[in-house]
Amino acid sequence: MPTKIRIIPILLYKDFGLVKGVQFDSWRRVGSAMQAIKVYNLREVDELIFLDITATIQRRHPDLEIVDELADECFVPFAVGGGISDIDDVRNLLAVGADKVVINTAFIENPDIVYKAAQKFGSQCVVVSIDARRKYNGLYEVYTHSGTVNTGIDPVSAVIKAEKLGAGEIIITSIDRDGTMMGYDIDLVRQVSEVVSIPVIASGGAGNYEHMAQVLTESGVSAVAASSIFYFTHQTPLEAKHFLKTRGFNVRI
């Protein structure tokens, strides 16, 4: 049976609450993480991604206490990122209830963490997150530290490396499209999804269900992540699934 397409809300956590910005900037408060998780449980999302967007910049380890509290209330697969710098962080997050860990900056700075995590805990729980911007010449570069540090690395080579090291999944986020609700950067997503065999999650830019259908059709990803669409419009993950089903996509309803 074909793999089901997943709809995955992203929760961005900063200073004790959830926020949403545009192009990784201009953050607006959008509520509490616990309340959001309870709502998404009711709305039958496939998974949730929780990212502490200031932990790495502030050189903090993951907040295990908040993750523990949220995981207890989350009844869908729960992926957690932010502040992961070593294998102990991975172990601790899984111990308090995360189903997957999302590794971003640490993958670029210390790629061996992906290999060690995959070997010790299994590839299925290791997600590598890549944030990229388009340069003036049309090429892309990977950014770390919540989009503040330009690495000069090509996202295609980065995801190839991540897969070889044992990552079980990739999140590819367009910083340029983040929060704009103008649609996914299909060129970026396609470039990444074409060079790996592991599942790819498209992120950054969803403004309506048509955007989701478009990136699924034109890039071959297996999941779509979104945030602003669920905070700032009346559109919901469950409605997104019904829309995609009418378009012939295999979704879980």
Protein backbone atom coordinates (compact mmCIF):
# COMPACT_ATOMS: atom_id res chain seq x y z
CA MET A 1 0.00 0.00 0.00
CA PRO A 2 1.37 3.45 -0.88
CA THR A 3 2.74 5.55 1.95
CA LYS A 4 0.18 7.99 3.28
CA ILE A 5 0.83 11.71 2.83
CA ARG A 6 1.28 13.45 6.19
CA ILE A 7 0.13 16.91 7.30
CA ILE A 8 2.44 18.17 10.05
CA PRO A 9 1.94 21.41 12.00
CA ILE A 10 5.12 23.03 13.30
CA LEU A 11 5.19 24.60 16.76
CA LEU A 12 7.90 27.25 17.18
CA TYR A 13 8.75 27.83 20.82
CA LYS A 14 10.45 30.97 22.15
CA ASP A 15 10.58 32.41 25.65
CA PHE A 16 7.81 30.32 27.24
CA GLY A 17 5.33 30.44 24.37
CA LEU A 18 4.67 29.77 20.72
CA VAL A 19 5.59 32.30 18.06
CA LYS A 20 5.33 32.68 14.31
CA GLY A 21 7.33 35.00 12.10
CA VAL A 22 8.10 35.82 8.51
CA GLN A 23 11.39 34.69 6.97
CA PHE A 24 12.66 33.66 10.42
CA ASP A 25 12.09 37.19 11.78
CA SER A 26 9.40 39.54 13.19
CA TRP A 27 8.11 36.97 15.65
CA ARG A 28 4.50 37.23 16.86
CA ARG A 29 3.15 35.40 19.89
CA VAL A 30 0.47 32.88 18.94
CA GLY A 31 -0.40 31.10 22.20
CA SER A 32 0.70 28.31 24.48
CA ALA A 33 2.32 25.08 23.38
CA MET A 34 0.11 22.94 25.62
CA GLN A 35 -3.09 24.46 24.28
CA ALA A 36 -1.90 24.00 20.70
CA ILE A 37 -1.11 20.33 21.27
CA LYS A 38 -4.53 19.69 22.78
CA VAL A 39 -6.21 21.35 19.79
CA TYR A 40 -4.11 19.42 17.27
CA ASN A 41 -4.92 16.15 19.04
CA LEU A 42 -8.58 16.86 18.32
CA ARG A 43 -7.88 17.86 14.74
CA GLU A 44 -6.32 14.51 13.89
CA VAL A 45 -2.93 15.71 12.69
CA ASP A 46 -0.48 13.03 11.62
CA GLU A 47 2.49 14.34 13.60
CA LEU A 48 3.71 17.44 15.40
CA ILE A 49 7.11 19.12 15.19
CA PHE A 50 8.16 21.22 18.20
CA LEU A 51 11.20 23.48 17.74
CA ASP A 52 12.81 25.63 20.42
CA ILE A 53 14.13 28.33 18.10
CA THR A 54 16.38 30.13 20.59
CA ALA A 55 18.02 27.20 22.37
CA THR A 56 20.95 26.84 19.96
CA ILE A 57 21.58 30.58 19.69
CA GLN A 58 21.58 30.84 23.49
CA ARG A 59 23.72 27.70 23.75
CA ARG A 60 21.11 25.95 25.86
CA HIS A 61 20.38 22.26 25.96
CA PRO A 62 16.79 21.19 25.20
CA ASP A 63 14.26 22.07 27.90
CA LEU A 64 13.48 18.54 29.02
CA GLU A 65 10.86 19.63 31.51
CA ILE A 66 8.63 21.33 28.93
CA VAL A 67 9.15 18.50 26.43
CA ASP A 68 8.16 15.97 29.09
CA GLU A 69 4.97 17.90 29.89
CA LEU A 70 4.01 18.30 26.24
CA ALA A 71 4.81 14.71 25.28
CA ASP A 72 2.47 13.46 28.01
CA GLU A 73 -0.41 15.30 26.29
CA CYS A 74 0.58 14.59 22.69
CA PHE A 75 -1.17 11.57 21.20
CA VAL A 76 0.51 11.68 17.80
CA PRO A 77 4.19 11.20 16.88
CA PHE A 78 6.12 14.09 18.44
CA ALA A 79 9.36 15.36 16.89
CA VAL A 80 11.47 17.77 18.95
CA GLY A 81 14.35 20.02 17.98
CA GLY A 82 16.33 22.99 19.25
CA GLY A 83 19.48 22.95 21.36
CA ILE A 84 20.55 19.43 20.40
CA SER A 85 24.35 19.39 20.42
CA ASP A 86 25.40 15.88 21.44
CA ILE A 87 24.18 12.32 21.76
CA ASP A 88 23.16 12.91 25.37
CA ASP A 89 20.63 15.50 24.23
CA VAL A 90 19.17 12.95 21.83
CA ARG A 91 18.99 10.28 24.52
CA ASN A 92 17.39 12.66 27.02
CA LEU A 93 14.73 13.89 24.60
CA LEU A 94 13.73 10.36 23.66
CA ALA A 95 13.66 9.42 27.35
CA VAL A 96 11.14 12.16 28.22
CA GLY A 97 8.77 11.27 25.40
CA ALA A 98 9.96 12.66 22.07
CA ASP A 99 9.39 10.12 19.30
CA LYS A 100 11.89 11.78 16.98
CA VAL A 101 14.67 14.35 17.32
CA VAL A 102 15.16 17.15 14.81
CA ILE A 103 18.82 18.00 14.27
CA ASN A 104 19.70 21.20 12.44
CA THR A 105 22.76 23.25 13.40
CA ALA A 106 24.49 20.30 15.07
CA PHE A 107 24.32 18.31 11.83
CA ILE A 108 26.35 21.00 10.04
CA GLU A 109 28.80 21.58 12.88
CA ASN A 110 29.17 17.98 14.01
CA PRO A 111 27.73 15.57 11.41
CA ASP A 112 28.83 12.56 13.46
CA ILE A 113 25.93 13.20 15.84
CA VAL A 114 23.53 11.97 13.14
CA TYR A 115 25.52 8.78 12.62
CA LYS A 116 25.77 8.11 16.36
CA ALA A 117 22.08 8.81 16.96
CA ALA A 118 20.99 6.59 14.08
CA GLN A 119 23.26 3.76 15.22
CA LYS A 120 22.18 3.95 18.84
CA PHE A 121 18.47 4.75 18.57
CA GLY A 122 17.53 3.91 14.97
CA SER A 123 17.22 6.02 11.83
CA GLN A 124 13.45 6.22 12.25
CA CYS A 125 13.83 8.74 15.07
CA VAL A 126 16.53 10.93 13.48
CA VAL A 127 15.28 13.88 11.42
CA VAL A 128 17.75 16.29 9.81
CA SER A 129 16.35 19.78 9.29
CA ILE A 130 17.83 22.00 6.59
CA ASP A 131 17.01 25.73 6.36
CA ALA A 132 18.00 27.36 3.07
CA ARG A 133 17.88 30.72 1.32
CA ARG A 134 18.09 31.44 -2.38
CA LYS A 135 21.07 33.58 -3.43
CA TYR A 136 20.94 36.33 -6.05
CA ASN A 137 22.28 33.86 -8.65
CA GLY A 138 19.43 31.43 -8.01
CA LEU A 139 21.50 28.91 -6.06
CA TYR A 140 20.70 27.96 -2.48
CA GLU A 141 22.74 28.03 0.72
CA VAL A 142 22.16 26.33 4.07
CA TYR A 143 21.76 28.52 7.13
CA THR A 144 22.12 27.45 10.77
CA HIS A 145 21.38 28.97 14.19
CA SER A 146 17.71 29.67 13.32
CA GLY A 147 18.61 31.18 9.97
CA THR A 148 21.26 33.60 11.25
CA VAL A 149 24.49 31.94 10.08
CA ASN A 150 25.27 31.37 6.41
CA THR A 151 27.29 28.19 5.96
CA GLY A 152 27.84 28.48 2.21
CA ILE A 153 26.83 24.81 1.95
CA ASP A 154 24.57 23.61 -0.85
CA PRO A 155 21.40 21.98 0.54
CA VAL A 156 21.58 19.16 -2.02
CA SER A 157 25.00 18.04 -0.84
CA ALA A 158 23.85 18.46 2.77
CA VAL A 159 20.88 16.11 2.45
CA ILE A 160 22.90 13.52 0.54
CA LYS A 161 25.35 13.52 3.45
CA ALA A 162 22.54 13.33 6.00
CA GLU A 163 21.08 10.25 4.36
CA LYS A 164 24.48 8.55 4.19
CA LEU A 165 25.00 9.20 7.90
CA GLY A 166 21.72 7.48 8.74
CA ALA A 167 19.06 10.18 8.93
CA GLY A 168 15.62 8.68 8.53
CA GLU A 169 13.91 11.82 7.31
CA ILE A 170 14.63 15.34 6.01
CA ILE A 171 12.83 18.61 6.65
CA ILE A 172 13.63 21.21 4.01
CA THR A 173 12.56 24.75 4.88
CA SER A 174 12.67 27.78 2.60
CA ILE A 175 13.61 30.77 4.76
CA ASP A 176 12.51 33.08 1.94
CA ARG A 177 8.99 31.60 1.92
CA ASP A 178 8.65 31.05 5.68
CA GLY A 179 5.54 32.77 7.04
CA THR A 180 4.70 34.43 3.73
CA MET A 181 1.85 32.02 2.89
CA MET A 182 2.82 32.48 -0.79
CA GLY A 183 3.45 28.80 -1.47
CA TYR A 184 6.35 26.42 -1.03
CA ASP A 185 9.65 26.95 -2.85
CA ILE A 186 9.09 24.03 -5.18
CA ASP A 187 12.49 24.33 -6.88
CA LEU A 188 14.28 23.98 -3.55
CA VAL A 189 12.08 21.14 -2.36
CA ARG A 190 12.37 19.26 -5.63
CA GLN A 191 16.16 19.55 -5.71
CA VAL A 192 16.34 17.97 -2.26
CA SER A 193 13.71 15.27 -2.72
CA GLU A 194 15.22 14.08 -6.00
CA VAL A 195 18.59 13.15 -4.50
CA VAL A 196 17.51 11.15 -1.43
CA SER A 197 15.40 8.04 -0.97
CA ILE A 198 14.30 8.82 2.59
CA PRO A 199 11.09 10.78 3.27
CA VAL A 200 11.25 14.55 2.76
CA ILE A 201 9.00 17.06 4.53
CA ALA A 202 8.41 20.37 2.71
CA SER A 203 8.23 23.43 4.94
CA GLY A 204 7.89 27.17 4.50
CA GLY A 205 5.20 29.04 2.62
CA ALA A 206 1.91 27.14 2.84
CA GLY A 207 -1.01 29.55 2.53
CA ASN A 208 -3.76 27.27 1.27
CA TYR A 209 -4.49 23.64 0.48
CA GLU A 210 -3.65 24.16 -3.19
CA HIS A 211 -0.08 25.01 -2.20
CA MET A 212 0.13 21.65 -0.44
CA ALA A 213 -1.21 19.78 -3.46
CA GLN A 214 1.18 21.65 -5.73
CA VAL A 215 4.34 20.82 -3.78
CA LEU A 216 3.25 17.20 -3.36
CA THR A 217 2.60 16.87 -7.09
CA GLU A 218 5.64 18.72 -8.36
CA SER A 219 8.35 17.67 -5.89
CA GLY A 220 7.50 14.15 -4.75
CA VAL A 221 7.75 14.86 -1.02
CA SER A 222 5.95 12.57 1.40
CA ALA A 223 4.77 15.20 3.89
CA VAL A 224 3.94 18.89 4.14
CA ALA A 225 4.66 20.97 7.23
CA ALA A 226 2.90 24.24 7.94
CA SER A 227 2.37 26.81 10.65
CA SER A 228 1.01 30.24 9.68
CA ILE A 229 -1.88 28.76 7.69
CA PHE A 230 -3.21 27.14 10.86
CA TYR A 231 -2.71 30.22 13.07
CA PHE A 232 -3.79 33.06 10.82
CA THR A 233 -6.55 31.53 8.68
CA HIS A 234 -9.54 29.30 9.37
CA GLN A 235 -7.97 26.42 7.46
CA THR A 236 -7.28 23.23 9.43
CA PRO A 237 -5.14 20.11 9.04
CA LEU A 238 -8.24 17.92 8.77
CA GLU A 239 -9.71 20.07 6.01
CA ALA A 240 -6.34 19.92 4.27
CA LYS A 241 -6.54 16.13 4.30
CA HIS A 242 -10.05 16.12 2.85
CA PHE A 243 -8.93 18.51 0.10
CA LEU A 244 -5.90 16.38 -0.74
CA LYS A 245 -8.03 13.26 -0.80
CA THR A 246 -10.25 14.83 -3.45
CA ARG A 247 -7.06 15.39 -5.45
CA GLY A 248 -6.21 11.71 -5.29
CA PHE A 249 -3.62 11.77 -2.52
CA ASN A 250 -3.48 8.91 -0.05
CA VAL A 251 -4.09 10.53 3.35
CA ARG A 252 -5.13 9.17 6.72
CA ILE A 253 -8.62 10.30 7.69
